């Protein structure tokens, strides 16, 4: 498969997904709702990632020529509905070199369109989810004033080559009125 074929098929898939399964736009989210706060946080991180990280990734990909990375990869941003609203608000409709999908949509597409060596794409993610039950005890002890049901992890990261990338989980609390950062990089690592 060639880069342009990969991009065309991925962009076409993303457009079909949004047509067949429309999601709320930024202006459709209730102002100051939990979804709206998540959209703002994910969007801010997305802009920061583009400003600070993409150039470095492209330079590193160029240096590792042994992997035959394409010099103009498509960025695949996987997220949740608030993240889709943020990406649409920031990027508009998917441009030629950037596509945003729900996490499970990309996983489904990837089953039939393997690019396991990241020749054609860079995968970036940003989404909120609930802490796992295994973390509940640790979090309850560390943050006794916050109910475990109020806690959310903002998971971010990127993969741009085999064993090449970073990840982090930032701990937030939904107060009922706003999101409050409790701990940046609660967990983090590199691949």
Protein backbone atom coordinates (compact mmCIF):
# COMPACT_ATOMS: atom_id res chain seq x y z
CA UNK A 1 0.00 0.00 0.00
CA UNK A 2 1.24 3.51 -0.80
CA UNK A 3 0.86 6.59 1.40
CA UNK A 4 -1.75 8.30 -0.77
CA UNK A 5 -3.88 5.14 -0.87
CA UNK A 6 -3.59 4.81 2.93
CA UNK A 7 -4.57 8.47 3.43
CA UNK A 8 -7.43 8.35 0.95
CA UNK A 9 -8.95 5.24 2.49
CA UNK A 10 -8.55 6.56 6.04
CA UNK A 11 -10.04 9.98 5.23
CA UNK A 12 -12.92 8.35 3.39
CA UNK A 13 -13.56 6.06 6.36
CA UNK A 14 -13.51 9.02 8.79
CA UNK A 15 -16.00 10.98 6.68
CA UNK A 16 -18.34 7.96 6.48
CA UNK A 17 -18.15 7.49 10.25
CA UNK A 18 -19.16 11.08 10.96
CA UNK A 19 -21.90 10.94 8.35
CA UNK A 20 -23.27 7.63 9.63
CA UNK A 21 -22.63 8.38 13.33
CA UNK A 22 -22.75 12.16 13.83
CA UNK A 23 -21.45 13.56 17.10
CA UNK A 24 -22.08 16.84 18.87
CA UNK A 25 -20.19 19.93 17.80
CA UNK A 26 -18.59 22.24 20.37
CA UNK A 27 -21.59 24.59 20.33
CA UNK A 28 -23.96 21.66 20.98
CA UNK A 29 -22.35 20.82 24.32
CA UNK A 30 -23.96 22.39 27.37
CA UNK A 31 -21.73 25.23 28.51
CA UNK A 32 -19.60 24.29 31.53
CA UNK A 33 -20.84 20.68 31.44
CA UNK A 34 -18.36 17.90 32.08
CA UNK A 35 -18.26 17.17 28.33
CA UNK A 36 -17.56 20.85 27.58
CA UNK A 37 -14.71 20.93 30.09
CA UNK A 38 -13.25 17.74 28.63
CA UNK A 39 -13.49 19.28 25.15
CA UNK A 40 -11.56 22.35 26.30
CA UNK A 41 -8.85 20.33 28.03
CA UNK A 42 -8.42 17.86 25.17
CA UNK A 43 -8.41 20.73 22.67
CA UNK A 44 -5.77 22.64 24.62
CA UNK A 45 -3.59 19.55 24.77
CA UNK A 46 -4.10 18.92 21.04
CA UNK A 47 -2.93 22.46 20.18
CA UNK A 48 0.04 22.14 22.53
CA UNK A 49 0.98 18.78 21.00
CA UNK A 50 0.97 20.28 17.51
CA UNK A 51 2.98 23.31 18.66
CA UNK A 52 5.59 21.43 20.67
CA UNK A 53 5.82 17.78 19.67
CA UNK A 54 5.08 17.18 15.98
CA UNK A 55 8.24 18.81 14.61
CA UNK A 56 10.36 16.76 17.01
CA UNK A 57 8.61 13.55 15.95
CA UNK A 58 9.14 14.30 12.26
CA UNK A 59 12.84 15.01 12.87
CA UNK A 60 13.24 11.74 14.76
CA UNK A 61 11.43 9.82 12.03
CA UNK A 62 13.77 11.38 9.47
CA UNK A 63 16.81 10.32 11.51
CA UNK A 64 15.61 6.70 11.73
CA UNK A 65 15.64 6.10 7.97
CA UNK A 66 16.09 2.36 8.47
CA UNK A 67 12.32 2.16 9.08
CA UNK A 68 11.54 3.82 5.71
CA UNK A 69 9.08 6.26 7.26
CA UNK A 70 7.17 8.36 4.79
CA UNK A 71 8.30 12.00 5.21
CA UNK A 72 4.72 13.33 5.22
CA UNK A 73 2.69 10.98 7.43
CA UNK A 74 -0.94 11.47 8.28
CA UNK A 75 -1.69 12.21 11.95
CA UNK A 76 -4.44 10.01 13.36
CA UNK A 77 -6.01 11.54 16.47
CA UNK A 78 -8.11 9.08 18.47
CA UNK A 79 -10.37 10.32 21.20
CA UNK A 80 -13.89 10.36 22.65
CA UNK A 81 -16.88 12.51 21.59
CA UNK A 82 -15.67 15.64 23.47
CA UNK A 83 -12.29 15.25 21.74
CA UNK A 84 -13.97 14.98 18.34
CA UNK A 85 -15.81 18.24 19.09
CA UNK A 86 -12.47 19.85 20.02
CA UNK A 87 -10.70 18.58 16.90
CA UNK A 88 -13.54 19.77 14.65
CA UNK A 89 -13.48 23.16 16.33
CA UNK A 90 -9.69 23.50 15.99
CA UNK A 91 -8.98 21.73 12.70
CA UNK A 92 -12.28 21.97 10.85
CA UNK A 93 -13.25 19.05 8.67
CA UNK A 94 -10.42 16.51 8.47
CA UNK A 95 -7.66 18.09 6.40
CA UNK A 96 -5.51 15.96 4.13
CA UNK A 97 -2.84 15.17 6.71
CA UNK A 98 -4.93 14.94 9.90
CA UNK A 99 -7.85 12.68 10.75
CA UNK A 100 -9.80 12.31 13.98
CA UNK A 101 -11.76 9.25 14.99
CA UNK A 102 -13.21 7.64 18.07
CA UNK A 103 -10.72 5.19 19.55
CA UNK A 104 -12.83 2.15 18.70
CA UNK A 105 -13.37 3.38 15.11
CA UNK A 106 -9.65 3.52 14.43
CA UNK A 107 -9.10 0.12 16.08
CA UNK A 108 -11.75 -1.35 13.76
CA UNK A 109 -10.26 0.32 10.66
CA UNK A 110 -6.74 -0.72 11.62
CA UNK A 111 -7.71 -4.40 11.68
CA UNK A 112 -7.86 -4.35 7.86
CA UNK A 113 -5.33 -1.59 7.18
CA UNK A 114 -2.20 -2.53 9.09
CA UNK A 115 0.60 0.01 9.32
CA UNK A 116 2.30 -1.65 12.26
CA UNK A 117 5.65 0.01 11.50
CA UNK A 118 4.03 3.48 11.36
CA UNK A 119 5.36 4.08 7.87
CA UNK A 120 2.34 6.19 6.89
CA UNK A 121 0.94 7.54 10.15
CA UNK A 122 1.56 9.01 13.57
CA UNK A 123 -0.98 8.02 16.19
CA UNK A 124 -1.83 10.64 18.79
CA UNK A 125 -4.53 10.17 21.43
CA UNK A 126 -6.26 12.24 24.06
CA UNK A 127 -9.34 11.20 26.01
CA UNK A 128 -10.85 11.01 29.48
CA UNK A 129 -11.86 7.82 31.21
CA UNK A 130 -12.64 6.58 34.70
CA UNK A 131 -9.80 5.14 36.79
CA UNK A 132 -9.72 1.37 36.89
CA UNK A 133 -11.12 -0.36 39.99
CA UNK A 134 -7.54 -1.39 40.82
CA UNK A 135 -6.66 2.30 41.32
CA UNK A 136 -9.64 3.17 43.52
CA UNK A 137 -7.96 2.35 46.84
CA UNK A 138 -4.77 4.24 45.97
CA UNK A 139 -6.72 7.29 44.77
CA UNK A 140 -9.06 7.29 47.78
CA UNK A 141 -6.03 7.31 50.08
CA UNK A 142 -4.18 10.01 48.11
CA UNK A 143 -7.25 12.24 47.60
CA UNK A 144 -9.63 11.57 50.51
CA UNK A 145 -11.71 14.72 49.88
CA UNK A 146 -12.54 13.64 46.32
CA UNK A 147 -14.98 10.84 45.72
CA UNK A 148 -13.57 8.19 43.42
CA UNK A 149 -16.64 8.67 41.21
CA UNK A 150 -15.51 12.30 40.64
CA UNK A 151 -12.04 11.33 39.40
CA UNK A 152 -11.12 11.14 35.73
CA UNK A 153 -7.89 10.30 33.96
CA UNK A 154 -6.95 12.38 30.93
CA UNK A 155 -4.89 9.96 28.89
CA UNK A 156 -2.57 11.38 26.27
CA UNK A 157 0.22 10.01 24.16
CA UNK A 158 1.61 9.28 20.76
CA UNK A 159 3.17 6.45 18.82
CA UNK A 160 5.16 7.26 15.70
CA UNK A 161 7.22 4.13 15.18
CA UNK A 162 7.84 0.69 16.62
CA UNK A 163 8.50 1.29 20.33
CA UNK A 164 8.67 5.05 19.69
CA UNK A 165 6.36 7.33 21.63
CA UNK A 166 5.22 8.65 24.98
CA UNK A 167 2.14 8.40 27.19
CA UNK A 168 0.76 10.04 30.31
CA UNK A 169 -2.35 10.04 32.46
CA UNK A 170 -3.27 13.27 34.23
CA UNK A 171 -5.61 13.05 37.22
CA UNK A 172 -8.61 15.38 37.21
CA UNK A 173 -11.64 15.82 39.42
CA UNK A 174 -15.09 16.79 38.17
CA UNK A 175 -16.48 19.10 40.88
CA UNK A 176 -19.95 19.28 39.36
CA UNK A 177 -19.11 22.73 37.99
CA UNK A 178 -15.60 22.41 36.56
CA UNK A 179 -12.65 20.11 36.04
CA UNK A 180 -9.88 20.50 38.61
CA UNK A 181 -6.37 19.18 37.89
CA UNK A 182 -5.23 17.13 40.87
CA UNK A 183 -1.99 15.75 39.48
CA UNK A 184 -0.29 16.27 36.15
CA UNK A 185 1.41 13.14 34.84
CA UNK A 186 -0.10 10.89 37.51
CA UNK A 187 1.51 8.17 35.46
CA UNK A 188 3.75 8.50 32.42
CA UNK A 189 6.25 6.65 30.34
CA UNK A 190 7.95 6.12 27.03
CA UNK A 191 7.75 3.25 24.59
